Amino acid sequence: MKKQTAVEWLVKEIKSKYSDIDFYHIKKEIDQAKAMEKKQIMDAIYDNMGTNFDPNMGRAEQYYNEIYNK
């Protein structure tokens, strides 16, 4: 089961409650928020793994992609 990030949840909720909103004009901001959230999640995963792991965060990104099916 794919998990949902907070930003994905918020966009879905807004779309379901305000179906007339055009997200085209704020797509850049939504994408930026998703990228920021991904980095925050990966930073937290990496920090939790300790310093013995790949410094380029490859394992953290792999975990993120598995959990959020990206």
C-alpha atoms as a PDB file:
ATOM      1  CA  MET A   1       0.000   0.000   0.000  1.00  0.00           C
ATOM      2  CA  LYS A   2       1.414   3.340  -1.052  1.00  0.00           C
ATOM      3  CA  LYS A   3       1.741   5.853   1.732  1.00  0.00           C
ATOM      4  CA  GLN A   4       0.831   9.458   1.163  1.00  0.00           C
ATOM      5  CA  THR A   5       2.950  12.440   2.101  1.00  0.00           C
ATOM      6  CA  ALA A   6       1.396  15.388   3.906  1.00  0.00           C
ATOM      7  CA  VAL A   7       1.616  17.575   0.805  1.00  0.00           C
ATOM      8  CA  GLU A   8      -0.044  14.907  -1.344  1.00  0.00           C
ATOM      9  CA  TRP A   9      -2.796  14.581   1.258  1.00  0.00           C
ATOM     10  CA  LEU A  10      -3.346  18.349   1.354  1.00  0.00           C
ATOM     11  CA  VAL A  11      -3.592  18.662  -2.434  1.00  0.00           C
ATOM     12  CA  LYS A  12      -6.064  15.760  -2.545  1.00  0.00           C
ATOM     13  CA  GLU A  13      -8.196  17.285   0.217  1.00  0.00           C
ATOM     14  CA  ILE A  14      -8.275  20.714  -1.427  1.00  0.00           C
ATOM     15  CA  LYS A  15      -9.186  19.169  -4.793  1.00  0.00           C
ATOM     16  CA  SER A  16     -12.036  17.174  -3.243  1.00  0.00           C
ATOM     17  CA  LYS A  17     -13.477  20.147  -1.347  1.00  0.00           C
ATOM     18  CA  TYR A  18     -12.892  22.833  -3.935  1.00  0.00           C
ATOM     19  CA  SER A  19     -13.271  21.104  -7.282  1.00  0.00           C
ATOM     20  CA  ASP A  20     -13.304  24.410  -9.146  1.00  0.00           C
ATOM     21  CA  ILE A  21      -9.732  25.333  -8.087  1.00  0.00           C
ATOM     22  CA  ASP A  22      -7.264  25.427 -10.947  1.00  0.00           C
ATOM     23  CA  PHE A  23      -3.989  23.969  -9.673  1.00  0.00           C
ATOM     24  CA  TYR A  24      -2.252  24.885 -12.911  1.00  0.00           C
ATOM     25  CA  HIS A  25      -1.258  28.285 -11.536  1.00  0.00           C
ATOM     26  CA  ILE A  26       0.256  26.888  -8.350  1.00  0.00           C
ATOM     27  CA  LYS A  27       1.780  23.680  -9.738  1.00  0.00           C
ATOM     28  CA  LYS A  28       5.287  25.114  -9.358  1.00  0.00           C
ATOM     29  CA  GLU A  29       4.693  25.812  -5.659  1.00  0.00           C
ATOM     30  CA  ILE A  30       3.123  22.384  -5.082  1.00  0.00           C
ATOM     31  CA  ASP A  31       6.064  20.675  -6.784  1.00  0.00           C
ATOM     32  CA  GLN A  32       8.492  22.745  -4.717  1.00  0.00           C
ATOM     33  CA  ALA A  33       6.661  21.799  -1.503  1.00  0.00           C
ATOM     34  CA  LYS A  34       6.797  18.114  -2.500  1.00  0.00           C
ATOM     35  CA  ALA A  35      10.543  18.351  -3.182  1.00  0.00           C
ATOM     36  CA  MET A  36      11.118  20.076   0.167  1.00  0.00           C
ATOM     37  CA  GLU A  37       9.057  17.438   1.958  1.00  0.00           C
ATOM     38  CA  LYS A  38      10.962  14.620   0.237  1.00  0.00           C
ATOM     39  CA  LYS A  39      14.259  16.139   1.347  1.00  0.00           C
ATOM     40  CA  GLN A  40      13.004  16.497   4.919  1.00  0.00           C
ATOM     41  CA  ILE A  41      11.871  12.865   4.988  1.00  0.00           C
ATOM     42  CA  MET A  42      15.150  11.668   3.484  1.00  0.00           C
ATOM     43  CA  ASP A  43      17.171  13.794   5.932  1.00  0.00           C
ATOM     44  CA  ALA A  44      15.266  12.232   8.836  1.00  0.00           C
ATOM     45  CA  ILE A  45      15.813   8.722   7.489  1.00  0.00           C
ATOM     46  CA  TYR A  46      19.495   9.399   6.862  1.00  0.00           C
ATOM     47  CA  ASP A  47      19.972  10.921  10.324  1.00  0.00           C
ATOM     48  CA  ASN A  48      18.309   7.873  11.855  1.00  0.00           C
ATOM     49  CA  MET A  49      20.640   5.515   9.953  1.00  0.00           C
ATOM     50  CA  GLY A  50      23.774   7.040  11.435  1.00  0.00           C
ATOM     51  CA  THR A  51      27.073   7.873   9.810  1.00  0.00           C
ATOM     52  CA  ASN A  52      27.939   4.388   8.520  1.00  0.00           C
ATOM     53  CA  PHE A  53      25.769   4.772   5.454  1.00  0.00           C
ATOM     54  CA  ASP A  54      26.342   6.271   2.048  1.00  0.00           C
ATOM     55  CA  PRO A  55      26.895  10.028   2.419  1.00  0.00           C
ATOM     56  CA  ASN A  56      24.970  10.762  -0.788  1.00  0.00           C
ATOM     57  CA  MET A  57      21.821   9.458   0.913  1.00  0.00           C
ATOM     58  CA  GLY A  58      21.295   6.704  -1.664  1.00  0.00           C
ATOM     59  CA  ARG A  59      19.774   4.338   0.875  1.00  0.00           C
ATOM     60  CA  ALA A  60      17.510   7.038   2.276  1.00  0.00           C
ATOM     61  CA  GLU A  61      16.237   7.826  -1.215  1.00  0.00           C
ATOM     62  CA  GLN A  62      15.726   4.126  -1.918  1.00  0.00           C
ATOM     63  CA  TYR A  63      13.664   3.825   1.278  1.00  0.00           C
ATOM     64  CA  TYR A  64      11.627   6.938   0.401  1.00  0.00           C
ATOM     65  CA  ASN A  65      10.907   5.585  -3.076  1.00  0.00           C
ATOM     66  CA  GLU A  66       9.824   2.209  -1.671  1.00  0.00           C
ATOM     67  CA  ILE A  67       7.505   3.715   0.959  1.00  0.00           C
ATOM     68  CA  TYR A  68       5.971   6.416  -1.229  1.00  0.00           C
ATOM     69  CA  ASN A  69       6.128   4.389  -4.452  1.00  0.00           C
ATOM     70  CA  LYS A  70       7.953   7.105  -6.389  1.00  0.00           C
END
